[in-house]
Amino acid sequence: MKIKYLCALLLAALIYSCDDSTTGIGTDLIPGGDKIPANTDSYEFTTKSLLADSVYARTSTAYLGRYTDEQFGEFTADFIAQFTCMDNFKFEEELTKVIGVNINLQYGSFFGDSLNAMRLQVDTLDKVIPEKELSTFYTSVDPKDYYNEKGKPIAVKAYSAVGPSTSKDETTTTSSGVKQRTIIQTIKLPNSLGDHIFNKYKENKEYFKTPESFIKNVLKGVYIRCTHGDGTILYIDGLSLNLNFEALIESSSGKRDSLVYKSYFFRATKEVIQANHFSNGSRLEELAQDPDHTYLKSPAGIFTEATFPIAEIYNEHKRDTLNGVNVSFTRYNEKESKYKMGIPQYVLMVRKKDMFSFFEENKIIDNKTSFLSSYSSSNNTYTFTNIAPLITYCIEERKKGITAAGGDPEKEEDGKKWDAKNPDWNRVVIIPVKAVSNSNNEIVEISNSLGMESAMLKGGTNPENKLKMQIFYTTF
């Protein structure tokens, strides 16, 4: 008995040392003696795949191409973008005529076949992209709302990720020893577009005074999409519109008779809108119905939803103190393929009711209603080591909600009524994300993962595939 008692005390000490913010499930807990039993318990919970046809993606990276995966089916990416000018922008007076206009797409990475034959098309927008509408930054944004689908494109180009279609492909090494690759696709545009921009400047220089005025009065933006080909997605991190001019400057004779060439750049930056549009084929809908697995697929593909038995935990441990709750999601090793998608390196656990606002409001995890886990290659899992604050938070929310509705939290029938009106109160969603850390290794930014990534997880709607969470608690 002494050994059993000592083990219990050691377990309690370990739990308290791991988490200084232990929380009580019940209320008004008062120790009843010196003996503090430490215990563990486990509960089953269910998971299912959740289609994510659109995600919030306020990013400076644009995605372009089409790729059909054996497992996940067809995925296409295109985008609309605005260009900006410097405040109080000016063209030099000696310019005579436009001799070239082009768009440069700059990228350092891509997914799929490097030499696959693709074709892109460029259209100009005929409507200003609204700045304050959140829907603009969701990947379900419809480019047809901003350009004339029946109009003539201003450019068409055959290309591959690398090769003859590129105007630049070089790898440099930074001072810290990191290699960086820069690839540029140059898309030739008609000189008439340059003439239009230059004539607008001569018409009213106020149009070039601010980026907003430029977009409204000169060039509303462009829509770039893939029209032919399958097998490559470009990750574009730089986009610019370039105008080349002939100019006459003063020569040594004192006359303006010396011919030179000048270039001006209008860039797509974070200060203006760049909106990605993603679409998936029907294959995702089939996978989401798989009863024996759940999936993670980005960008804008599938998340995993989990329903936790929080009410059951409360009913059985309302007099105990909850010290810890651990839960893991195990990944299956997938079949090898020629162009294998990456494994999501970070996943976010967030309450289902907050899965949109978390990204819209640029939130960081609070370890109460949102948690972050990194992929462990050693055991092939995503593990959340202590979500006890989430369990307690949901319990308190439910109790307050039942009371506010005129019910009694201790009555089962009142609890069921509230649950029926609030079906997502005990549900979380697992989402592939990109996490950015500062020099102190602190997470400073979390956004939806937009890379080609996937994972098949244990679980699913089959009752035989339920997962387990482990709880640690002490009883006074």
Protein backbone atom coordinates (compact mmCIF):
# COMPACT_ATOMS: atom_id res chain seq x y z
CA MET A 1 0.00 0.00 0.00
CA LYS A 2 2.89 2.35 0.76
CA ILE A 3 4.29 1.83 -2.74
CA LYS A 4 0.88 2.48 -4.34
CA TYR A 5 0.44 5.67 -2.29
CA LEU A 6 3.94 6.87 -3.17
CA CYS A 7 3.31 6.30 -6.92
CA ALA A 8 0.12 8.33 -6.71
CA LEU A 9 1.96 11.23 -5.08
CA LEU A 10 4.73 11.08 -7.69
CA LEU A 11 2.16 11.15 -10.52
CA ALA A 12 0.42 14.15 -8.97
CA ALA A 13 3.75 15.96 -8.58
CA LEU A 14 4.64 15.23 -12.21
CA ILE A 15 1.32 16.56 -13.49
CA TYR A 16 1.52 19.76 -11.45
CA SER A 17 5.10 20.37 -12.57
CA CYS A 18 4.07 20.04 -16.24
CA ASP A 19 1.21 22.51 -16.02
CA ASP A 20 1.06 25.36 -13.53
CA SER A 21 -2.42 26.35 -14.68
CA THR A 22 -4.32 23.25 -13.63
CA THR A 23 -8.05 23.70 -13.67
CA GLY A 24 -10.92 22.29 -11.68
CA ILE A 25 -13.90 20.71 -13.38
CA GLY A 26 -16.09 21.19 -10.32
CA THR A 27 -16.36 24.37 -8.26
CA ASP A 28 -15.56 25.28 -4.64
CA LEU A 29 -13.09 22.42 -4.26
CA ILE A 30 -11.56 22.18 -0.76
CA PRO A 31 -8.96 19.54 0.10
CA GLY A 32 -10.42 17.05 2.53
CA GLY A 33 -7.14 15.76 3.92
CA ASP A 34 -3.47 15.27 3.32
CA LYS A 35 -3.91 12.36 0.93
CA ILE A 36 -4.29 13.50 -2.72
CA PRO A 37 -4.97 10.55 -5.03
CA ALA A 38 -3.75 11.13 -8.61
CA ASN A 39 -5.56 9.18 -11.29
CA THR A 40 -5.91 8.72 -15.03
CA ASP A 41 -8.91 7.93 -17.16
CA SER A 42 -9.59 7.63 -20.90
CA TYR A 43 -12.53 8.53 -23.09
CA GLU A 44 -13.39 7.68 -26.66
CA PHE A 45 -14.22 10.37 -29.18
CA THR A 46 -15.23 10.45 -32.83
CA THR A 47 -13.75 12.21 -35.84
CA LYS A 48 -14.84 12.90 -39.40
CA SER A 49 -13.53 14.65 -42.48
CA LEU A 50 -14.78 18.18 -43.07
CA LEU A 51 -14.75 19.66 -46.55
CA ALA A 52 -13.03 23.04 -46.69
CA ASP A 53 -13.92 24.43 -50.09
CA SER A 54 -12.52 27.82 -49.13
CA VAL A 55 -10.01 29.26 -46.67
CA TYR A 56 -9.00 32.77 -45.63
CA ALA A 57 -5.78 33.55 -47.49
CA ARG A 58 -4.56 37.12 -47.12
CA THR A 59 -1.11 36.47 -48.52
CA SER A 60 1.48 37.98 -50.83
CA THR A 61 2.04 34.59 -52.49
CA ALA A 62 0.05 33.80 -55.62
CA TYR A 63 -0.62 30.25 -56.83
CA LEU A 64 -0.99 29.28 -60.46
CA GLY A 65 -1.55 25.99 -62.25
CA ARG A 66 -3.40 22.71 -62.29
CA TYR A 67 -2.52 19.37 -60.73
CA THR A 68 -4.48 16.12 -60.69
CA ASP A 69 -3.52 13.80 -57.84
CA GLU A 70 -4.31 10.08 -57.85
CA GLN A 71 -5.83 10.29 -54.39
CA PHE A 72 -7.26 13.79 -54.12
CA GLY A 73 -8.24 14.49 -57.71
CA GLU A 74 -7.98 17.76 -59.62
CA PHE A 75 -6.84 21.03 -58.05
CA THR A 76 -6.58 24.36 -59.88
CA ALA A 77 -5.15 27.68 -58.73
CA ASP A 78 -5.44 31.13 -60.29
CA PHE A 79 -5.49 34.67 -58.94
CA ILE A 80 -6.50 38.29 -59.35
CA ALA A 81 -4.05 41.04 -58.44
CA GLN A 82 -3.67 44.78 -58.28
CA PHE A 83 -0.53 46.81 -58.97
CA THR A 84 0.58 49.85 -57.07
CA CYS A 85 2.62 52.95 -57.79
CA MET A 86 4.79 54.93 -55.40
CA ASP A 87 3.15 57.93 -53.76
CA ASN A 88 3.41 60.98 -56.04
CA PHE A 89 4.78 58.80 -58.84
CA LYS A 90 6.20 60.65 -61.86
CA PHE A 91 7.20 59.72 -65.39
CA GLU A 92 10.21 61.65 -66.66
CA GLU A 93 9.50 64.35 -69.23
CA GLU A 94 11.95 63.06 -71.84
CA LEU A 95 9.95 59.87 -72.50
CA THR A 96 8.82 59.61 -76.12
CA LYS A 97 7.06 56.29 -76.60
CA VAL A 98 6.34 52.87 -75.07
CA ILE A 99 8.44 50.12 -76.62
CA GLY A 100 7.57 47.19 -74.38
CA VAL A 101 5.20 46.04 -71.64
CA ASN A 102 5.40 42.83 -69.64
CA ILE A 103 4.46 41.11 -66.41
CA ASN A 104 7.10 39.25 -64.44
CA LEU A 105 6.11 36.26 -62.33
CA GLN A 106 8.89 35.50 -59.84
CA TYR A 107 9.06 32.29 -57.82
CA GLY A 108 11.58 30.06 -56.09
CA SER A 109 9.55 26.90 -55.71
CA PHE A 110 6.77 24.93 -57.34
CA PHE A 111 4.97 21.61 -57.02
CA GLY A 112 4.88 18.93 -59.67
CA ASP A 113 6.63 18.42 -62.99
CA SER A 114 9.29 21.03 -63.76
CA LEU A 115 9.06 20.55 -67.54
CA ASN A 116 5.33 19.95 -67.91
CA ALA A 117 3.79 21.98 -70.77
CA MET A 118 1.29 24.56 -69.46
CA ARG A 119 -0.44 27.65 -70.81
CA LEU A 120 -1.57 30.79 -69.00
CA GLN A 121 -3.85 33.67 -69.90
CA VAL A 122 -3.95 37.26 -68.67
CA ASP A 123 -7.11 39.42 -68.59
CA THR A 124 -7.54 42.94 -67.25
CA LEU A 125 -10.13 43.61 -64.56
CA ASP A 126 -13.05 45.90 -65.27
CA LYS A 127 -14.11 46.30 -61.65
CA VAL A 128 -12.14 47.44 -58.59
CA ILE A 129 -11.61 44.68 -56.04
CA PRO A 130 -13.32 45.79 -52.79
CA GLU A 131 -10.84 46.39 -49.97
CA LYS A 132 -13.07 45.89 -46.95
CA GLU A 133 -14.99 42.76 -47.92
CA LEU A 134 -13.64 39.70 -46.11
CA SER A 135 -14.97 37.46 -48.87
CA THR A 136 -12.33 38.91 -51.17
CA PHE A 137 -9.64 37.08 -49.23
CA TYR A 138 -11.34 33.68 -49.26
CA THR A 139 -10.16 31.28 -51.92
CA SER A 140 -13.72 30.91 -53.19
CA VAL A 141 -13.55 34.46 -54.58
CA ASP A 142 -15.00 34.43 -58.10
CA PRO A 143 -12.79 36.21 -60.65
CA LYS A 144 -15.79 36.42 -62.99
CA ASP A 145 -17.10 39.18 -60.73
CA TYR A 146 -14.17 41.38 -61.69
CA TYR A 147 -13.40 40.79 -65.36
CA ASN A 148 -15.24 40.36 -68.63
CA GLU A 149 -15.28 36.63 -69.30
CA LYS A 150 -16.20 37.23 -72.96
CA GLY A 151 -13.53 39.85 -73.50
CA LYS A 152 -10.26 39.30 -75.34
CA PRO A 153 -7.27 38.42 -73.11
CA ILE A 154 -4.27 40.74 -73.26
CA ALA A 155 -1.77 37.87 -73.22
CA VAL A 156 -1.44 34.11 -73.65
CA LYS A 157 1.79 32.23 -72.95
CA ALA A 158 2.99 28.63 -73.09
CA TYR A 159 5.32 27.85 -70.20
CA SER A 160 6.85 25.23 -67.92
CA ALA A 161 8.12 25.73 -64.38
CA VAL A 162 11.72 25.72 -65.61
CA GLY A 163 13.26 25.66 -69.06
CA PRO A 164 13.21 27.85 -72.18
CA SER A 165 10.04 29.74 -71.23
CA THR A 166 11.79 31.37 -68.26
CA SER A 167 13.78 34.58 -68.58
CA LYS A 168 15.79 33.92 -65.43
CA ASP A 169 16.70 30.88 -63.34
CA GLU A 170 19.53 31.30 -60.86
CA THR A 171 20.50 30.07 -57.42
CA THR A 172 22.37 32.28 -54.99
CA THR A 173 23.70 31.70 -51.49
CA THR A 174 22.95 34.13 -48.67
CA SER A 175 25.52 35.27 -46.11
CA SER A 176 24.10 32.66 -43.72
CA GLY A 177 24.69 29.89 -46.24
CA VAL A 178 21.07 29.44 -47.34
CA LYS A 179 20.57 28.75 -51.04
CA GLN A 180 17.83 30.73 -52.77
CA ARG A 181 16.49 30.03 -56.22
CA THR A 182 14.92 32.76 -58.34
CA ILE A 183 12.92 31.89 -61.45
CA ILE A 184 11.14 34.50 -63.58
CA GLN A 185 8.49 34.01 -66.23
CA THR A 186 8.15 37.09 -68.42
CA ILE A 187 4.74 37.56 -70.06
CA LYS A 188 4.72 39.97 -72.99
CA LEU A 189 1.74 42.35 -73.05
CA PRO A 190 0.56 44.67 -75.86
CA ASN A 191 2.17 48.11 -76.04
CA SER A 192 -1.36 49.54 -76.08
CA LEU A 193 -1.59 48.84 -72.35
CA GLY A 194 1.52 50.94 -71.78
CA ASP A 195 0.11 53.68 -73.99
CA HIS A 196 -3.09 53.62 -71.93
CA ILE A 197 -1.15 54.04 -68.68
CA PHE A 198 1.09 56.78 -70.08
CA ASN A 199 -1.85 58.68 -71.58
CA LYS A 200 -3.67 58.52 -68.24
CA TYR A 201 -0.62 60.12 -66.64
CA LYS A 202 -0.61 62.95 -69.17
CA GLU A 203 -4.37 63.33 -68.72
CA ASN A 204 -4.24 63.75 -64.96
CA LYS A 205 -1.15 63.28 -62.79
CA GLU A 206 -3.40 63.04 -59.72
CA TYR A 207 -4.26 59.51 -60.86
CA PHE A 208 -0.70 58.54 -59.87
CA LYS A 209 -0.61 60.35 -56.55
CA THR A 210 -1.65 57.32 -54.46
CA PRO A 211 -2.00 53.58 -55.05
CA GLU A 212 -5.77 53.86 -54.52
CA SER A 213 -6.12 56.53 -57.21
CA PHE A 214 -3.95 54.53 -59.62
CA ILE A 215 -6.10 51.41 -59.18
CA LYS A 216 -9.37 53.28 -59.48
CA ASN A 217 -8.51 55.44 -62.49
CA VAL A 218 -5.70 53.74 -64.39
CA LEU A 219 -5.48 49.96 -64.00
CA LYS A 220 -7.88 48.00 -61.82
CA GLY A 221 -5.78 44.83 -61.93
CA VAL A 222 -5.31 41.56 -63.79
CA TYR A 223 -6.61 38.00 -63.67
CA ILE A 224 -4.05 35.27 -64.42
CA ARG A 225 -5.12 31.66 -64.88
CA CYS A 226 -3.96 28.38 -66.34
CA THR A 227 -5.95 27.41 -69.45
CA HIS A 228 -4.12 24.28 -70.62
CA GLY A 229 -1.90 21.64 -69.08
CA ASP A 230 -1.89 19.61 -65.89
CA GLY A 231 0.88 18.73 -63.50
CA THR A 232 2.43 21.91 -62.06
CA ILE A 233 1.56 24.53 -59.44
CA LEU A 234 3.75 27.66 -59.23
CA TYR A 235 4.25 29.41 -55.86
CA ILE A 236 4.66 33.01 -57.03
CA ASP A 237 6.20 35.37 -54.47
CA GLY A 238 6.85 38.34 -56.74
CA LEU A 239 4.62 40.01 -59.33
CA SER A 240 5.37 43.19 -61.27
CA LEU A 241 4.14 45.14 -64.29
CA ASN A 242 7.02 46.62 -66.28
CA LEU A 243 6.87 49.48 -68.80
CA ASN A 244 9.82 50.16 -71.10
CA PHE A 245 10.21 53.51 -72.88
CA GLU A 246 12.37 55.24 -75.42
CA ALA A 247 13.58 58.63 -74.22
CA LEU A 248 15.51 61.51 -75.71
CA ILE A 249 17.98 63.19 -73.41
CA GLU A 250 20.33 66.06 -73.89
CA SER A 251 23.61 65.11 -75.54
CA SER A 252 26.97 66.84 -75.41
CA SER A 253 25.77 69.09 -78.23
CA GLY A 254 23.19 70.58 -75.90
CA LYS A 255 20.29 69.17 -77.87
CA ARG A 256 17.79 66.48 -76.87
CA ASP A 257 18.93 64.04 -79.50
CA SER A 258 20.49 61.18 -77.53
CA LEU A 259 18.32 58.03 -77.47
CA VAL A 260 18.17 56.06 -74.20
CA TYR A 261 15.84 53.46 -72.69
CA LYS A 262 14.06 53.71 -69.35
CA SER A 263 11.95 51.24 -67.36
CA TYR A 264 9.26 51.70 -64.73
CA PHE A 265 7.86 49.07 -62.42
CA PHE A 266 4.44 48.74 -60.82
CA ARG A 267 4.44 45.96 -58.24
CA ALA A 268 1.86 43.80 -56.51
CA THR A 269 2.60 44.36 -52.81
CA LYS A 270 1.00 43.69 -49.43
CA GLU A 271 -0.54 47.15 -49.56
CA VAL A 272 -2.81 46.17 -52.44
CA ILE A 273 -5.03 43.14 -52.97
CA GLN A 274 -3.84 39.83 -54.33
CA ALA A 275 -6.59 37.23 -54.10
CA ASN A 276 -6.12 33.52 -54.79
CA HIS A 277 -8.88 31.40 -56.24
CA PHE A 278 -8.71 27.63 -55.62
CA SER A 279 -11.01 24.86 -56.80
CA ASN A 280 -11.08 21.10 -56.29
CA GLY A 281 -12.72 18.29 -58.21
CA SER A 282 -15.44 15.98 -56.88
CA ARG A 283 -12.90 13.45 -55.59
CA LEU A 284 -12.64 15.33 -52.27
CA GLU A 285 -16.35 14.81 -51.63
CA GLU A 286 -15.86 11.06 -51.95
CA LEU A 287 -12.90 11.04 -49.57
CA ALA A 288 -14.82 13.08 -47.00
CA GLN A 289 -17.35 10.24 -46.80
CA ASP A 290 -14.68 7.62 -46.01
CA PRO A 291 -15.85 6.04 -42.71
CA ASP A 292 -12.49 4.47 -41.87
CA HIS A 293 -10.15 7.47 -42.08
CA THR A 294 -10.10 11.24 -41.92
CA TYR A 295 -7.95 13.55 -44.00
CA LEU A 296 -5.99 16.75 -44.00
CA LYS A 297 -5.45 18.29 -47.42
CA SER A 298 -4.30 21.78 -48.29
CA PRO A 299 -4.81 24.21 -49.73
CA ALA A 300 -8.56 24.55 -49.23
CA GLY A 301 -9.32 20.86 -49.24
CA ILE A 302 -10.19 18.78 -46.18
CA PHE A 303 -9.91 19.32 -42.41
CA THR A 304 -10.56 16.83 -39.61
CA GLU A 305 -13.37 17.50 -37.13
CA ALA A 306 -13.39 15.91 -33.65
CA THR A 307 -16.29 15.72 -31.20
CA PHE A 308 -15.06 15.48 -27.61
CA PRO A 309 -17.09 13.78 -24.82
CA ILE A 310 -16.92 16.86 -22.61
CA ALA A 311 -20.32 16.45 -20.97
CA GLU A 312 -19.44 12.87 -20.05
CA ILE A 313 -16.14 13.97 -18.53
CA TYR A 314 -17.91 16.62 -16.47
CA ASN A 315 -20.61 14.27 -15.21
CA GLU A 316 -18.06 11.74 -14.02
CA HIS A 317 -15.44 14.16 -12.65
CA LYS A 318 -17.30 17.27 -11.53
CA ARG A 319 -15.80 16.91 -8.03
CA ASP A 320 -12.26 16.41 -9.30
CA THR A 321 -9.49 18.72 -10.47
CA LEU A 322 -8.52 18.23 -14.09
CA ASN A 323 -4.73 18.40 -14.37
CA GLY A 324 -4.17 17.39 -17.95
CA VAL A 325 -5.78 16.06 -21.11
CA ASN A 326 -3.72 14.55 -23.92
CA VAL A 327 -4.90 13.65 -27.39
CA SER A 328 -3.06 12.41 -30.49
CA PHE A 329 -3.93 12.04 -34.15
CA THR A 330 -1.96 9.32 -35.91
CA ARG A 331 -1.04 9.60 -39.57
CA TYR A 332 -1.02 6.64 -41.93
CA ASN A 333 1.95 6.21 -44.23
CA GLU A 334 0.60 6.86 -47.72
CA LYS A 335 1.44 5.24 -51.01
CA GLU A 336 4.45 6.49 -52.89
CA SER A 337 3.74 8.69 -55.90
CA LYS A 338 5.89 10.49 -58.46
CA TYR A 339 5.16 13.91 -56.98
CA LYS A 340 4.33 13.24 -53.36
CA MET A 341 2.54 15.97 -51.45
CA GLY A 342 4.26 17.29 -48.36
CA ILE A 343 3.18 16.34 -44.84
CA PRO A 344 1.61 19.26 -42.92
CA GLN A 345 4.29 20.27 -40.43
CA TYR A 346 1.90 22.21 -38.17
CA VAL A 347 -1.76 21.73 -37.39
CA LEU A 348 -4.06 24.00 -35.46
CA MET A 349 -6.74 22.70 -33.10
CA VAL A 350 -9.45 25.32 -32.80
CA ARG A 351 -13.08 25.26 -31.75
CA LYS A 352 -15.31 24.75 -34.77
CA LYS A 353 -17.22 27.93 -33.98
CA ASP A 354 -13.93 29.89 -34.24
CA MET A 355 -12.44 28.23 -37.33
CA PHE A 356 -13.09 31.26 -39.55
CA SER A 357 -12.67 34.18 -37.13
CA PHE A 358 -9.32 32.82 -35.92
CA PHE A 359 -7.74 33.58 -39.30
CA GLU A 360 -9.82 36.65 -40.18
CA GLU A 361 -8.72 38.32 -36.94
CA ASN A 362 -5.11 37.18 -37.30
CA LYS A 363 -5.15 35.45 -33.92
CA ILE A 364 -2.38 33.53 -32.19
CA ILE A 365 -3.03 30.38 -30.14
CA ASP A 366 -4.15 31.04 -26.56
CA ASN A 367 -3.85 27.41 -25.32
CA LYS A 368 -7.42 27.67 -24.13
CA THR A 369 -9.58 27.56 -27.22
CA SER A 370 -6.78 27.08 -29.76
CA PHE A 371 -3.65 24.93 -29.74
CA LEU A 372 -0.75 24.19 -32.08
CA SER A 373 0.97 20.86 -32.70
CA SER A 374 3.94 20.01 -34.89
CA TYR A 375 4.27 16.79 -36.81
CA SER A 376 6.40 14.13 -35.10
CA SER A 377 8.15 11.98 -37.69
CA SER A 378 9.40 9.60 -34.98
CA ASN A 379 5.91 8.36 -34.05
CA ASN A 380 3.95 9.69 -37.05
CA THR A 381 1.53 11.75 -34.94
CA TYR A 382 0.22 15.19 -34.10
CA THR A 383 0.02 15.32 -30.31
CA PHE A 384 -1.67 17.95 -28.15
CA THR A 385 -0.15 17.46 -24.71
CA ASN A 386 -2.61 19.40 -22.55
CA ILE A 387 -6.00 20.62 -23.72
CA ALA A 388 -7.46 20.60 -20.19
CA PRO A 389 -8.14 24.38 -20.39
CA LEU A 390 -10.31 23.72 -23.47
CA ILE A 391 -12.35 21.08 -21.65
CA THR A 392 -12.90 23.40 -18.69
CA TYR A 393 -13.70 26.38 -20.93
CA CYS A 394 -16.35 24.42 -22.82
CA ILE A 395 -17.88 23.11 -19.58
CA GLU A 396 -18.18 26.59 -18.12
CA GLU A 397 -19.64 27.94 -21.36
CA ARG A 398 -22.24 25.17 -21.37
CA LYS A 399 -23.18 25.72 -17.72
CA LYS A 400 -23.59 29.46 -18.22
CA GLY A 401 -25.57 28.90 -21.42
CA ILE A 402 -27.98 26.48 -19.76
CA THR A 403 -28.45 28.86 -16.83
CA ALA A 404 -29.03 31.84 -19.14
CA ALA A 405 -31.71 29.82 -20.94
CA GLY A 406 -33.51 29.29 -17.62
CA GLY A 407 -32.32 25.71 -17.13
CA ASP A 408 -30.34 23.82 -14.53
CA PRO A 409 -26.84 22.64 -15.61
CA GLU A 410 -27.22 19.60 -13.33
CA LYS A 411 -30.37 18.41 -15.07
CA GLU A 412 -29.74 16.10 -18.00
CA GLU A 413 -32.80 17.18 -19.95
CA ASP A 414 -31.83 20.86 -19.73
CA GLY A 415 -28.36 19.99 -20.94
CA LYS A 416 -29.70 18.08 -23.92
CA LYS A 417 -31.91 21.01 -24.92
CA TRP A 418 -28.97 23.39 -24.87
CA ASP A 419 -26.75 20.93 -26.74
CA ALA A 420 -29.36 20.63 -29.51
CA LYS A 421 -29.31 24.41 -30.01
CA ASN A 422 -25.51 24.57 -29.81
CA PRO A 423 -24.31 21.48 -31.69
CA ASP A 424 -20.71 22.68 -32.13
CA TRP A 425 -19.98 23.52 -28.50
CA ASN A 426 -17.83 20.39 -28.00
CA ARG A 427 -16.32 20.17 -31.48
CA VAL A 428 -12.87 21.17 -32.68
CA VAL A 429 -11.30 21.25 -36.12
CA ILE A 430 -7.76 20.19 -37.01
CA ILE A 431 -6.40 22.49 -39.73
CA PRO A 432 -3.06 22.44 -41.59
CA VAL A 433 -1.34 25.78 -40.94
CA LYS A 434 1.83 27.71 -41.49
CA ALA A 435 3.39 28.95 -38.24
CA VAL A 436 5.96 31.76 -38.13
CA SER A 437 8.29 32.19 -35.13
CA ASN A 438 10.49 35.09 -34.05
CA SER A 439 14.12 34.93 -32.90
CA ASN A 440 12.95 33.85 -29.44
CA ASN A 441 11.10 30.89 -30.96
CA GLU A 442 7.75 32.48 -30.12
CA ILE A 443 4.86 31.95 -32.53
CA VAL A 444 3.99 35.34 -34.00
CA GLU A 445 1.80 34.40 -36.97
CA ILE A 446 -0.47 31.52 -37.94
CA SER A 447 -2.14 31.26 -41.33
CA ASN A 448 -3.84 28.59 -43.39
CA SER A 449 -1.34 26.35 -45.14
CA LEU A 450 -1.51 27.03 -48.89
CA GLY A 451 1.09 24.50 -49.98
CA MET A 452 0.31 21.13 -51.56
CA GLU A 453 0.16 19.02 -48.38
CA SER A 454 -1.86 16.04 -47.17
CA ALA A 455 -2.22 13.44 -44.43
CA MET A 456 -4.54 10.49 -43.90
CA LEU A 457 -5.38 10.04 -40.21
CA LYS A 458 -6.72 7.25 -38.05
CA GLY A 459 -10.35 7.72 -37.09
CA GLY A 460 -13.52 8.25 -39.09
CA THR A 461 -17.22 7.79 -38.56
CA ASN A 462 -17.00 4.00 -38.22
CA PRO A 463 -17.84 3.26 -34.53
CA GLU A 464 -14.94 0.80 -34.45
CA ASN A 465 -12.48 3.58 -35.30
CA LYS A 466 -13.03 5.84 -32.31
CA LEU A 467 -9.95 7.56 -30.90
CA LYS A 468 -9.06 7.96 -27.23
CA MET A 469 -8.10 10.92 -25.09
CA GLN A 470 -6.36 10.50 -21.76
CA ILE A 471 -7.16 12.68 -18.79
CA PHE A 472 -5.19 13.19 -15.57
CA TYR A 473 -7.04 14.31 -12.47
CA THR A 474 -6.73 14.54 -8.72
CA THR A 475 -9.44 13.92 -6.17
CA PHE A 476 -9.41 15.72 -2.83
